[in-house]
Amino acid sequence: MSSFLRQAGILLLFLAICLRADDKKKPGYYLKAGQTTDLDVQKLTTAKQNCENWAVAAGLEDILKKQGVPFDQNFWVTRLSGSEVCIDNAPTMETVARAVNGEFVLDDRRHVRLELHYVSGAPSNVDEVVYGIQQKRISLLLLRGHPFYLTGVTYDEYIGRDGSRMFEIRELRLANTYAKLPGLAFQKGRDDPADINGMLTVVVNPV
């Protein structure tokens, strides 16, 4: 799937939630309520320093490590900030894109091309969110300027007679990129989607 299609596809989770919030009866659909899927939060990388640039760097380390690219957070924080300094504000996505996008040579002489996928605001492709976690893909969700790992989701699934499916998110579970600090649960109807700055991941392609 192209970057454009991925980004276009990610533009409806919370919008869809708002549109469907009062539509509990979906004629012709069978409801499978309260399903959950989660990542193993014990295996996530946390920032070596409680600074926002290190938090993003830790997230990049974990996202890419799971795809066979073993650059650590020291590598990424240097590319983001010029050195291993502590910066209180998260880097802009333009800065992250400059640090990430491009071709890299790994220690085993493999060449890979990295591509940042970022969508500002609340993620909105319900299928993509659910499927990504089911496939154990790592992504970061920026909430009020701080990156969290998106680690779990509770959702209702509606299955049509023709096999079509719709998902309605009830809760997103987030793990902190800071060590020893708690994560949180972002719940439909309680929390404000406007607090979400955006969601990012990185795609690795061989060259």
N, C-alpha and C. Protein backbone atom coordinates (compact mmCIF):
# COMPACT_ATOMS: atom_id res chain seq x y z
N MET A 1 0.86 -1.20 0.00
CA MET A 1 0.00 0.00 0.00
C MET A 1 0.89 1.24 0.00
N SER A 2 0.57 2.23 -0.86
CA SER A 2 1.39 3.42 -0.95
C SER A 2 1.25 4.27 0.29
N SER A 3 2.25 5.15 0.47
CA SER A 3 2.20 6.07 1.61
C SER A 3 0.95 6.93 1.55
N PHE A 4 0.59 7.37 0.32
CA PHE A 4 -0.60 8.21 0.20
C PHE A 4 -1.84 7.47 0.65
N LEU A 5 -1.99 6.21 0.18
CA LEU A 5 -3.18 5.45 0.56
C LEU A 5 -3.22 5.15 2.03
N ARG A 6 -2.04 4.85 2.62
CA ARG A 6 -2.00 4.61 4.06
C ARG A 6 -2.46 5.84 4.82
N GLN A 7 -1.91 7.00 4.43
CA GLN A 7 -2.24 8.22 5.16
C GLN A 7 -3.70 8.61 4.92
N ALA A 8 -4.18 8.41 3.69
CA ALA A 8 -5.59 8.72 3.43
C ALA A 8 -6.47 7.78 4.22
N GLY A 9 -6.02 6.52 4.34
CA GLY A 9 -6.83 5.55 5.07
C GLY A 9 -6.89 5.81 6.54
N ILE A 10 -5.83 6.48 7.08
CA ILE A 10 -5.80 6.68 8.52
C ILE A 10 -6.62 7.91 8.91
N LEU A 11 -7.29 8.64 8.03
CA LEU A 11 -7.99 9.90 8.37
C LEU A 11 -9.37 9.70 9.01
N LEU A 12 -10.12 8.33 10.23
CA LEU A 12 -11.52 8.29 10.64
C LEU A 12 -11.80 7.66 11.99
N LEU A 13 -10.79 7.10 12.86
CA LEU A 13 -11.11 6.36 14.12
C LEU A 13 -12.07 7.14 15.01
N PHE A 14 -11.63 8.32 15.45
CA PHE A 14 -12.47 9.06 16.38
C PHE A 14 -13.62 9.77 15.67
N LEU A 15 -13.42 10.16 14.43
CA LEU A 15 -14.55 10.68 13.66
C LEU A 15 -15.61 9.60 13.50
N ALA A 16 -15.15 8.40 13.18
CA ALA A 16 -16.10 7.29 13.05
C ALA A 16 -16.80 7.01 14.36
N ILE A 17 -16.05 7.11 15.46
CA ILE A 17 -16.63 6.90 16.78
C ILE A 17 -17.75 7.91 17.03
N CYS A 18 -17.45 9.18 16.71
CA CYS A 18 -18.45 10.22 16.95
C CYS A 18 -19.70 9.97 16.11
N LEU A 19 -19.50 9.57 14.86
CA LEU A 19 -20.64 9.35 13.98
C LEU A 19 -21.46 8.15 14.41
N ARG A 20 -20.77 7.15 15.03
CA ARG A 20 -21.46 5.91 15.37
C ARG A 20 -21.85 5.82 16.84
N ALA A 21 -21.45 6.81 17.63
CA ALA A 21 -21.61 6.71 19.09
C ALA A 21 -23.04 6.43 19.50
N ASP A 22 -24.02 7.02 18.78
CA ASP A 22 -25.42 6.85 19.16
C ASP A 22 -26.13 5.82 18.28
N ASP A 23 -25.33 5.15 17.42
CA ASP A 23 -25.92 4.20 16.49
C ASP A 23 -25.61 2.78 16.94
N LYS A 24 -26.18 2.38 18.07
CA LYS A 24 -25.87 1.07 18.64
C LYS A 24 -26.54 -0.05 17.87
N LYS A 25 -27.66 0.25 17.22
CA LYS A 25 -28.36 -0.76 16.46
C LYS A 25 -27.96 -0.61 15.00
N LYS A 26 -27.25 -1.62 14.48
CA LYS A 26 -26.82 -1.58 13.10
C LYS A 26 -27.55 -2.69 12.34
N PRO A 27 -28.64 -2.35 11.64
CA PRO A 27 -29.43 -3.36 10.97
C PRO A 27 -28.57 -4.20 10.02
N GLY A 28 -28.76 -5.51 10.08
CA GLY A 28 -28.04 -6.39 9.17
C GLY A 28 -26.66 -6.77 9.64
N TYR A 29 -26.25 -6.32 10.82
CA TYR A 29 -24.92 -6.63 11.33
C TYR A 29 -25.00 -7.45 12.62
N TYR A 30 -24.09 -8.40 12.73
CA TYR A 30 -23.94 -9.19 13.95
C TYR A 30 -22.87 -8.54 14.81
N LEU A 31 -23.17 -8.31 16.08
CA LEU A 31 -22.25 -7.61 16.98
C LEU A 31 -21.41 -8.60 17.79
N LYS A 32 -20.09 -8.41 17.73
CA LYS A 32 -19.15 -9.10 18.63
C LYS A 32 -18.57 -8.01 19.52
N ALA A 33 -19.10 -7.88 20.72
CA ALA A 33 -18.78 -6.74 21.59
C ALA A 33 -17.57 -7.02 22.49
N GLY A 34 -16.89 -5.93 22.84
CA GLY A 34 -15.86 -5.98 23.87
C GLY A 34 -14.66 -6.85 23.55
N GLN A 35 -14.22 -6.87 22.31
CA GLN A 35 -13.02 -7.63 21.96
C GLN A 35 -11.78 -6.83 22.32
N THR A 36 -10.68 -7.53 22.60
CA THR A 36 -9.45 -6.85 22.96
C THR A 36 -8.27 -7.48 22.23
N THR A 37 -7.25 -6.67 21.98
CA THR A 37 -5.97 -7.16 21.48
C THR A 37 -4.89 -6.25 22.05
N ASP A 38 -3.74 -6.85 22.42
CA ASP A 38 -2.70 -6.10 23.13
C ASP A 38 -1.30 -6.56 22.71
N LEU A 39 -0.34 -5.64 22.87
CA LEU A 39 1.07 -5.95 22.73
C LEU A 39 1.64 -6.38 24.08
N ASP A 40 2.84 -6.94 24.06
CA ASP A 40 3.55 -7.29 25.29
C ASP A 40 4.30 -6.04 25.77
N VAL A 41 3.73 -5.33 26.74
CA VAL A 41 4.32 -4.07 27.19
C VAL A 41 5.62 -4.28 27.95
N GLN A 42 5.90 -5.51 28.40
CA GLN A 42 7.14 -5.76 29.14
C GLN A 42 8.37 -5.67 28.23
N LYS A 43 8.17 -5.77 26.93
CA LYS A 43 9.29 -5.80 26.00
C LYS A 43 9.52 -4.48 25.28
N LEU A 44 8.86 -3.42 25.71
CA LEU A 44 9.00 -2.12 25.05
C LEU A 44 10.20 -1.35 25.60
N THR A 45 10.86 -0.63 24.74
CA THR A 45 12.02 0.17 25.12
C THR A 45 11.57 1.48 25.75
N THR A 46 12.21 1.88 26.83
CA THR A 46 11.92 3.18 27.45
C THR A 46 13.12 4.11 27.31
N ALA A 47 12.86 5.40 27.44
CA ALA A 47 13.90 6.41 27.24
C ALA A 47 14.95 6.36 28.34
N LYS A 48 16.20 6.55 27.95
CA LYS A 48 17.30 6.56 28.92
C LYS A 48 17.28 7.83 29.76
N GLN A 49 16.69 8.90 29.20
CA GLN A 49 16.51 10.14 29.95
C GLN A 49 15.05 10.57 29.79
N ASN A 50 14.48 11.13 30.83
CA ASN A 50 13.08 11.58 30.76
C ASN A 50 13.00 12.93 30.08
N CYS A 51 13.26 12.91 28.79
CA CYS A 51 13.23 14.09 27.93
C CYS A 51 12.46 13.69 26.68
N GLU A 52 11.72 14.62 26.10
CA GLU A 52 10.84 14.27 25.00
C GLU A 52 11.61 13.81 23.76
N ASN A 53 12.79 14.38 23.50
CA ASN A 53 13.55 13.91 22.34
C ASN A 53 14.05 12.48 22.55
N TRP A 54 14.42 12.13 23.78
CA TRP A 54 14.83 10.77 24.08
C TRP A 54 13.63 9.82 24.01
N ALA A 55 12.46 10.30 24.40
CA ALA A 55 11.26 9.46 24.34
C ALA A 55 10.94 9.09 22.89
N VAL A 56 11.02 10.06 21.99
CA VAL A 56 10.80 9.77 20.57
C VAL A 56 11.88 8.82 20.06
N ALA A 57 13.13 9.05 20.46
CA ALA A 57 14.23 8.19 20.03
C ALA A 57 14.04 6.75 20.50
N ALA A 58 13.55 6.59 21.74
CA ALA A 58 13.27 5.24 22.25
C ALA A 58 12.19 4.57 21.42
N GLY A 59 11.16 5.33 21.07
CA GLY A 59 10.10 4.78 20.24
C GLY A 59 10.60 4.36 18.87
N LEU A 60 11.46 5.18 18.27
CA LEU A 60 12.05 4.82 16.97
C LEU A 60 12.89 3.55 17.09
N GLU A 61 13.65 3.44 18.18
CA GLU A 61 14.44 2.23 18.39
C GLU A 61 13.55 0.99 18.37
N ASP A 62 12.45 1.05 19.11
CA ASP A 62 11.59 -0.13 19.24
C ASP A 62 10.84 -0.42 17.95
N ILE A 63 10.31 0.62 17.30
CA ILE A 63 9.60 0.43 16.04
C ILE A 63 10.49 -0.27 15.04
N LEU A 64 11.76 0.16 14.96
CA LEU A 64 12.66 -0.37 13.93
C LEU A 64 13.30 -1.68 14.34
N LYS A 65 13.54 -1.86 15.62
CA LYS A 65 14.12 -3.13 16.10
C LYS A 65 13.21 -4.29 15.73
N LYS A 66 11.90 -4.08 15.84
CA LYS A 66 10.94 -5.14 15.50
C LYS A 66 10.94 -5.45 14.01
N GLN A 67 11.54 -4.57 13.21
CA GLN A 67 11.61 -4.78 11.76
C GLN A 67 13.03 -5.08 11.29
N GLY A 68 13.90 -5.44 12.23
CA GLY A 68 15.24 -5.87 11.87
C GLY A 68 16.25 -4.76 11.63
N VAL A 69 15.95 -3.55 12.12
CA VAL A 69 16.88 -2.43 11.99
C VAL A 69 17.33 -2.05 13.41
N PRO A 70 18.56 -2.45 13.81
CA PRO A 70 18.96 -2.37 15.22
C PRO A 70 19.67 -1.08 15.62
N PHE A 71 19.19 0.08 15.20
CA PHE A 71 19.77 1.34 15.64
C PHE A 71 19.18 1.70 17.00
N ASP A 72 20.05 2.02 17.98
CA ASP A 72 19.54 2.29 19.32
C ASP A 72 19.12 3.75 19.47
N GLN A 73 18.57 4.06 20.64
CA GLN A 73 18.04 5.42 20.85
C GLN A 73 19.14 6.48 20.89
N ASN A 74 20.35 6.11 21.27
CA ASN A 74 21.45 7.07 21.21
C ASN A 74 21.69 7.53 19.78
N PHE A 75 21.63 6.58 18.86
CA PHE A 75 21.77 6.90 17.43
C PHE A 75 20.68 7.87 17.01
N TRP A 76 19.43 7.57 17.40
CA TRP A 76 18.31 8.38 16.94
C TRP A 76 18.26 9.74 17.62
N VAL A 77 18.60 9.82 18.89
CA VAL A 77 18.55 11.13 19.55
C VAL A 77 19.62 12.05 18.97
N THR A 78 20.75 11.48 18.56
CA THR A 78 21.79 12.29 17.92
C THR A 78 21.32 12.80 16.57
N ARG A 79 20.63 11.97 15.82
CA ARG A 79 20.09 12.42 14.53
C ARG A 79 18.98 13.44 14.72
N LEU A 80 18.20 13.30 15.79
CA LEU A 80 17.11 14.24 16.04
C LEU A 80 17.59 15.58 16.55
N SER A 81 18.58 15.54 17.46
CA SER A 81 18.95 16.75 18.21
C SER A 81 20.40 17.19 18.02
N GLY A 82 21.18 16.47 17.25
CA GLY A 82 22.57 16.85 16.98
C GLY A 82 23.55 16.28 17.97
N SER A 83 23.09 15.89 19.15
CA SER A 83 23.93 15.27 20.18
C SER A 83 23.00 14.64 21.21
N GLU A 84 23.60 14.03 22.23
CA GLU A 84 22.79 13.35 23.26
C GLU A 84 22.36 14.34 24.35
N VAL A 85 21.68 15.40 23.93
CA VAL A 85 21.21 16.42 24.85
C VAL A 85 19.78 16.07 25.29
N CYS A 86 19.33 16.72 26.35
CA CYS A 86 17.97 16.55 26.84
C CYS A 86 17.15 17.77 26.42
N ILE A 87 16.07 17.53 25.68
CA ILE A 87 15.19 18.61 25.22
C ILE A 87 13.79 18.32 25.71
N ASP A 88 13.17 19.31 26.34
CA ASP A 88 11.88 19.10 26.99
C ASP A 88 10.72 18.96 26.02
N ASN A 89 10.82 19.58 24.86
CA ASN A 89 9.74 19.52 23.88
C ASN A 89 10.03 18.45 22.84
N ALA A 90 8.99 17.73 22.45
CA ALA A 90 9.16 16.71 21.42
C ALA A 90 9.58 17.36 20.10
N PRO A 91 10.46 16.72 19.34
CA PRO A 91 10.84 17.28 18.04
C PRO A 91 9.65 17.36 17.11
N THR A 92 9.68 18.31 16.21
CA THR A 92 8.61 18.42 15.21
C THR A 92 8.66 17.21 14.28
N MET A 93 7.55 16.94 13.62
CA MET A 93 7.53 15.81 12.70
C MET A 93 8.41 16.08 11.47
N GLU A 94 8.63 17.34 11.16
CA GLU A 94 9.57 17.65 10.08
C GLU A 94 10.98 17.22 10.49
N THR A 95 11.33 17.46 11.76
CA THR A 95 12.64 17.04 12.26
C THR A 95 12.75 15.52 12.28
N VAL A 96 11.70 14.86 12.73
CA VAL A 96 11.71 13.39 12.76
C VAL A 96 11.82 12.84 11.35
N ALA A 97 11.08 13.42 10.41
CA ALA A 97 11.14 12.95 9.03
C ALA A 97 12.55 13.10 8.45
N ARG A 98 13.20 14.23 8.72
CA ARG A 98 14.57 14.42 8.22
C ARG A 98 15.52 13.39 8.82
N ALA A 99 15.31 13.03 10.09
CA ALA A 99 16.18 12.06 10.74
C ALA A 99 15.95 10.65 10.24
N VAL A 100 14.71 10.33 9.89
CA VAL A 100 14.33 8.95 9.59
C VAL A 100 14.36 8.63 8.10
N ASN A 101 13.78 9.49 7.30
CA ASN A 101 13.59 9.15 5.89
C ASN A 101 14.93 9.05 5.16
N GLY A 102 15.08 7.97 4.42
CA GLY A 102 16.30 7.82 3.63
C GLY A 102 16.82 6.41 3.65
N GLU A 103 17.97 6.23 3.02
CA GLU A 103 18.60 4.91 2.91
C GLU A 103 19.69 4.77 3.96
N PHE A 104 19.73 3.60 4.61
CA PHE A 104 20.70 3.31 5.65
C PHE A 104 21.38 1.99 5.35
N VAL A 105 22.66 1.89 5.75
CA VAL A 105 23.42 0.65 5.61
C VAL A 105 23.59 0.06 7.01
N LEU A 106 23.18 -1.20 7.18
CA LEU A 106 23.26 -1.86 8.47
C LEU A 106 24.60 -2.56 8.63
N ASP A 107 24.89 -3.01 9.85
CA ASP A 107 26.16 -3.66 10.14
C ASP A 107 26.38 -4.92 9.30
N ASP A 108 25.29 -5.59 8.94
CA ASP A 108 25.41 -6.81 8.13
C ASP A 108 25.43 -6.50 6.63
N ARG A 109 25.62 -5.22 6.30
CA ARG A 109 25.75 -4.72 4.92
C ARG A 109 24.43 -4.67 4.16
N ARG A 110 23.34 -4.94 4.82
CA ARG A 110 22.05 -4.75 4.17
C ARG A 110 21.78 -3.26 3.98
N HIS A 111 21.12 -2.93 2.90
CA HIS A 111 20.67 -1.56 2.64
C HIS A 111 19.15 -1.53 2.82
N VAL A 112 18.68 -0.58 3.58
CA VAL A 112 17.24 -0.43 3.79
C VAL A 112 16.85 1.02 3.60
N ARG A 113 15.62 1.21 3.20
CA ARG A 113 15.06 2.57 3.09
C ARG A 113 13.97 2.72 4.15
N LEU A 114 14.08 3.76 4.96
CA LEU A 114 13.12 4.02 6.01
C LEU A 114 12.18 5.14 5.58
N GLU A 115 10.91 4.98 5.94
CA GLU A 115 9.91 5.98 5.58
C GLU A 115 8.99 6.22 6.78
N LEU A 116 8.99 7.45 7.26
CA LEU A 116 8.11 7.84 8.36
C LEU A 116 6.68 7.94 7.86
N HIS A 117 5.76 7.32 8.58
CA HIS A 117 4.33 7.48 8.32
C HIS A 117 3.73 8.20 9.51
N TYR A 118 3.24 9.41 9.27
CA TYR A 118 2.69 10.23 10.35
C TYR A 118 1.39 10.85 9.89
N VAL A 119 0.39 10.81 10.77
CA VAL A 119 -0.88 11.50 10.52
C VAL A 119 -1.18 12.36 11.73
N SER A 120 -1.38 13.63 11.51
CA SER A 120 -1.66 14.54 12.62
C SER A 120 -3.09 14.35 13.11
N GLY A 121 -3.30 14.68 14.37
CA GLY A 121 -4.61 14.53 14.98
C GLY A 121 -4.89 13.10 15.38
N ALA A 122 -6.11 12.86 15.81
CA ALA A 122 -6.50 11.52 16.25
C ALA A 122 -6.50 10.55 15.08
N PRO A 123 -5.95 9.34 15.25
CA PRO A 123 -6.03 8.34 14.18
C PRO A 123 -7.48 7.98 13.93
N SER A 124 -7.78 7.59 12.70
CA SER A 124 -9.19 7.43 12.39
C SER A 124 -9.53 6.20 11.57
N ASN A 125 -8.57 5.45 11.09
CA ASN A 125 -8.88 4.22 10.38
C ASN A 125 -8.96 3.09 11.40
N VAL A 126 -10.17 2.74 11.80
CA VAL A 126 -10.37 1.76 12.86
C VAL A 126 -9.75 0.43 12.48
N ASP A 127 -9.97 -0.03 11.25
CA ASP A 127 -9.43 -1.31 10.80
C ASP A 127 -7.91 -1.33 10.94
N GLU A 128 -7.26 -0.24 10.53
CA GLU A 128 -5.80 -0.17 10.55
C GLU A 128 -5.27 -0.23 11.98
N VAL A 129 -5.94 0.46 12.89
CA VAL A 129 -5.51 0.46 14.29
C VAL A 129 -5.61 -0.95 14.88
N VAL A 130 -6.77 -1.57 14.69
CA VAL A 130 -6.98 -2.91 15.24
C VAL A 130 -6.02 -3.91 14.61
N TYR A 131 -5.92 -3.90 13.28
CA TYR A 131 -5.08 -4.86 12.58
C TYR A 131 -3.61 -4.68 12.95
N GLY A 132 -3.16 -3.42 13.08
CA GLY A 132 -1.77 -3.16 13.43
C GLY A 132 -1.39 -3.78 14.76
N ILE A 133 -2.25 -3.64 15.74
CA ILE A 133 -1.94 -4.22 17.06
C ILE A 133 -2.03 -5.75 17.00
N GLN A 134 -3.00 -6.28 16.25
CA GLN A 134 -3.09 -7.73 16.10
C GLN A 134 -1.81 -8.29 15.47
N GLN A 135 -1.20 -7.53 14.57
CA GLN A 135 0.03 -7.96 13.92
C GLN A 135 1.28 -7.59 14.71
N LYS A 136 1.09 -7.06 15.93
CA LYS A 136 2.19 -6.71 16.83
C LYS A 136 3.08 -5.61 16.26
N ARG A 137 2.49 -4.74 15.47
CA ARG A 137 3.25 -3.60 14.95
C ARG A 137 3.32 -2.51 16.01
N ILE A 138 4.48 -1.86 16.10
CA ILE A 138 4.71 -0.80 17.08
C ILE A 138 4.39 0.55 16.44
N SER A 139 3.68 1.40 17.16
CA SER A 139 3.46 2.77 16.73
C SER A 139 3.45 3.67 17.94
N LEU A 140 3.69 4.94 17.70
CA LEU A 140 3.67 5.94 18.76
C LEU A 140 2.45 6.84 18.57
N LEU A 141 1.80 7.15 19.67
CA LEU A 141 0.71 8.11 19.67
C LEU A 141 1.13 9.28 20.54
N LEU A 142 1.13 10.48 19.94
CA LEU A 142 1.53 11.68 20.67
C LEU A 142 0.31 12.29 21.33
N LEU A 143 0.34 12.32 22.66
CA LEU A 143 -0.79 12.83 23.44
C LEU A 143 -0.31 14.00 24.28
N ARG A 144 -0.89 15.17 24.01
CA ARG A 144 -0.50 16.40 24.70
C ARG A 144 1.01 16.59 24.67
N GLY A 145 1.61 16.33 23.51
CA GLY A 145 3.03 16.59 23.29
C GLY A 145 3.97 15.51 23.77
N HIS A 146 3.45 14.40 24.31
CA HIS A 146 4.31 13.32 24.81
C HIS A 146 4.02 12.03 24.07
N PRO A 147 5.07 11.30 23.62
CA PRO A 147 4.84 10.06 22.89
C PRO A 147 4.58 8.88 23.81
N PHE A 148 3.52 8.16 23.50
CA PHE A 148 3.18 6.90 24.17
C PHE A 148 3.18 5.79 23.12
N TYR A 149 3.48 4.58 23.56
CA TYR A 149 3.26 3.42 22.71
C TYR A 149 1.78 3.07 22.69
N LEU A 150 1.24 2.82 21.50
CA LEU A 150 -0.12 2.31 21.39
C LEU A 150 -0.05 0.79 21.57
N THR A 151 -0.51 0.30 22.72
CA THR A 151 -0.26 -1.10 23.08
C THR A 151 -1.50 -1.98 23.07
N GLY A 152 -2.69 -1.40 23.09
CA GLY A 152 -3.86 -2.25 23.15
C GLY A 152 -5.12 -1.51 22.78
N VAL A 153 -6.13 -2.27 22.43
CA VAL A 153 -7.40 -1.68 22.03
C VAL A 153 -8.54 -2.61 22.46
N THR A 154 -9.63 -2.00 22.92
CA THR A 154 -10.89 -2.71 23.13
C THR A 154 -11.88 -2.16 22.11
N TYR A 155 -12.57 -3.07 21.43
CA TYR A 155 -13.42 -2.62 20.32
C TYR A 155 -14.62 -3.54 20.15
N ASP A 156 -15.65 -2.99 19.54
CA ASP A 156 -16.80 -3.77 19.09
C ASP A 156 -16.66 -4.02 17.60
N GLU A 157 -16.97 -5.23 17.19
CA GLU A 157 -16.89 -5.58 15.77
C GLU A 157 -18.29 -5.90 15.26
N TYR A 158 -18.64 -5.28 14.14
CA TYR A 158 -19.93 -5.51 13.50
C TYR A 158 -19.68 -6.26 12.18
N ILE A 159 -20.30 -7.42 12.02
CA ILE A 159 -20.09 -8.26 10.86
C ILE A 159 -21.38 -8.31 10.05
N GLY A 160 -21.28 -7.90 8.79
CA GLY A 160 -22.46 -7.88 7.92
C GLY A 160 -22.74 -9.24 7.31
N ARG A 161 -23.93 -9.38 6.77
CA ARG A 161 -24.32 -10.64 6.11
C ARG A 161 -23.41 -10.95 4.92
N ASP A 162 -22.87 -9.90 4.30
CA ASP A 162 -21.99 -10.10 3.14
C ASP A 162 -20.53 -10.27 3.53
N GLY A 163 -20.27 -10.37 4.86
CA GLY A 163 -18.90 -10.54 5.33
C GLY A 163 -18.17 -9.25 5.62
N SER A 164 -18.79 -8.12 5.31
CA SER A 164 -18.17 -6.82 5.61
C SER A 164 -18.06 -6.62 7.12
N ARG A 165 -17.09 -5.84 7.53
CA ARG A 165 -16.85 -5.63 8.96
C ARG A 165 -16.68 -4.15 9.26
N MET A 166 -17.18 -3.74 10.41
CA MET A 166 -16.96 -2.41 10.94
C MET A 166 -16.47 -2.54 12.37
N PHE A 167 -15.57 -1.64 12.76
CA PHE A 167 -15.04 -1.65 14.11
C PHE A 167 -15.37 -0.34 14.80
N GLU A 168 -15.69 -0.43 16.07
CA GLU A 168 -15.92 0.77 16.88
C GLU A 168 -15.02 0.67 18.11
N ILE A 169 -14.09 1.62 18.23
CA ILE A 169 -13.13 1.60 19.32
C ILE A 169 -13.79 2.08 20.62
N ARG A 170 -13.56 1.33 21.68
CA ARG A 170 -14.06 1.72 23.00
C ARG A 170 -12.93 2.26 23.88
N GLU A 171 -11.72 1.70 23.71
CA GLU A 171 -10.60 2.14 24.54
C GLU A 171 -9.28 1.89 23.82
N LEU A 172 -8.38 2.85 23.91
CA LEU A 172 -6.99 2.69 23.48
C LEU A 172 -6.12 2.64 24.73
N ARG A 173 -5.21 1.66 24.78
CA ARG A 173 -4.28 1.55 25.91
C ARG A 173 -2.90 1.99 25.47
N LEU A 174 -2.30 2.84 26.31
CA LEU A 174 -1.03 3.47 25.97
C LEU A 174 0.00 3.19 27.05
N ALA A 175 1.22 2.84 26.63
CA ALA A 175 2.33 2.63 27.55
C ALA A 175 3.28 3.81 27.45
N ASN A 176 3.83 4.23 28.59
CA ASN A 176 4.69 5.40 28.63
C ASN A 176 6.06 5.08 28.06
N THR A 177 6.62 6.02 27.31
CA THR A 177 7.99 5.88 26.83
C THR A 177 9.00 6.25 27.91
N TYR A 178 8.54 6.86 29.00
CA TYR A 178 9.41 7.13 30.15
C TYR A 178 9.42 5.92 31.07
N ALA A 179 10.61 5.57 31.56
CA ALA A 179 10.74 4.43 32.46
C ALA A 179 10.04 4.73 33.79
N LYS A 180 9.37 3.72 34.32
CA LYS A 180 8.77 3.75 35.66
C LYS A 180 7.64 4.76 35.79
N LEU A 181 7.14 5.26 34.68
CA LEU A 181 5.96 6.13 34.72
C LEU A 181 4.79 5.38 34.10
N PRO A 182 3.60 5.56 34.64
CA PRO A 182 2.46 4.76 34.17
C PRO A 182 1.98 5.19 32.80
N GLY A 183 1.35 4.24 32.13
CA GLY A 183 0.64 4.56 30.91
C GLY A 183 -0.75 5.04 31.24
N LEU A 184 -1.64 4.96 30.26
CA LEU A 184 -3.02 5.38 30.52
C LEU A 184 -3.95 4.71 29.53
N ALA A 185 -5.23 4.81 29.81
CA ALA A 185 -6.27 4.31 28.92
C ALA A 185 -7.05 5.50 28.39
N PHE A 186 -7.16 5.59 27.08
CA PHE A 186 -7.90 6.66 26.43
C PHE A 186 -9.26 6.10 26.04
N GLN A 187 -10.31 6.59 26.67
CA GLN A 187 -11.63 5.98 26.53
C GLN A 187 -12.59 6.87 25.73
N LYS A 188 -13.36 6.21 24.90
CA LYS A 188 -14.40 6.89 24.14
C LYS A 188 -15.43 7.47 25.09
N GLY A 189 -15.81 8.71 24.86
CA GLY A 189 -16.83 9.36 25.67
C GLY A 189 -16.31 10.01 26.93
N ARG A 190 -15.08 9.69 27.32
CA ARG A 190 -14.50 10.31 28.51
C ARG A 190 -13.38 11.27 28.15
N ASP A 191 -12.52 10.87 27.23
CA ASP A 191 -11.35 11.66 26.89
C ASP A 191 -11.56 12.42 25.59
N ASP A 192 -10.78 13.47 25.41
CA ASP A 192 -10.96 14.39 24.29
C ASP A 192 -10.02 14.04 23.15
N PRO A 193 -10.53 13.64 21.98
CA PRO A 193 -9.66 13.33 20.84
C PRO A 193 -8.77 14.50 20.43
N ALA A 194 -9.17 15.72 20.76
CA ALA A 194 -8.36 16.89 20.41
C ALA A 194 -7.03 16.91 21.15
N ASP A 195 -6.90 16.12 22.23
CA ASP A 195 -5.64 16.04 22.95
C ASP A 195 -4.59 15.23 22.21
N ILE A 196 -5.02 14.49 21.19
CA ILE A 196 -4.08 13.66 20.43
C ILE A 196 -3.44 14.50 19.33
N ASN A 197 -2.12 14.60 19.38
CA ASN A 197 -1.39 15.39 18.38
C ASN A 197 -1.21 14.64 17.07
N GLY A 198 -1.03 13.32 17.16
CA GLY A 198 -0.82 12.54 15.95
C GLY A 198 -0.33 11.14 16.27
N MET A 199 -0.12 10.37 15.23
CA MET A 199 0.32 8.99 15.38
C MET A 199 1.37 8.70 14.32
N LEU A 200 2.42 7.99 14.74
CA LEU A 200 3.51 7.72 13.79
C LEU A 200 4.01 6.30 13.89
N THR A 201 4.52 5.84 12.77
CA THR A 201 5.28 4.60 12.70
C THR A 201 6.28 4.75 11.57
N VAL A 202 7.12 3.74 11.40
CA VAL A 202 8.14 3.78 10.35
C VAL A 202 8.05 2.47 9.57
N VAL A 203 8.11 2.57 8.26
CA VAL A 203 8.10 1.40 7.39
C VAL A 203 9.50 1.17 6.86
N VAL A 204 9.95 -0.08 6.88
CA VAL A 204 11.28 -0.47 6.40
C VAL A 204 11.14 -1.23 5.09
N ASN A 205 11.84 -0.78 4.07
CA ASN A 205 11.85 -1.46 2.78
C ASN A 205 13.27 -1.81 2.39
N PRO A 206 13.53 -3.04 1.92
CA PRO A 206 14.87 -3.38 1.46
C PRO A 206 15.21 -2.61 0.18
N VAL A 207 16.48 -2.34 0.00
CA VAL A 207 16.94 -1.63 -1.20
C VAL A 207 17.71 -2.62 -2.08
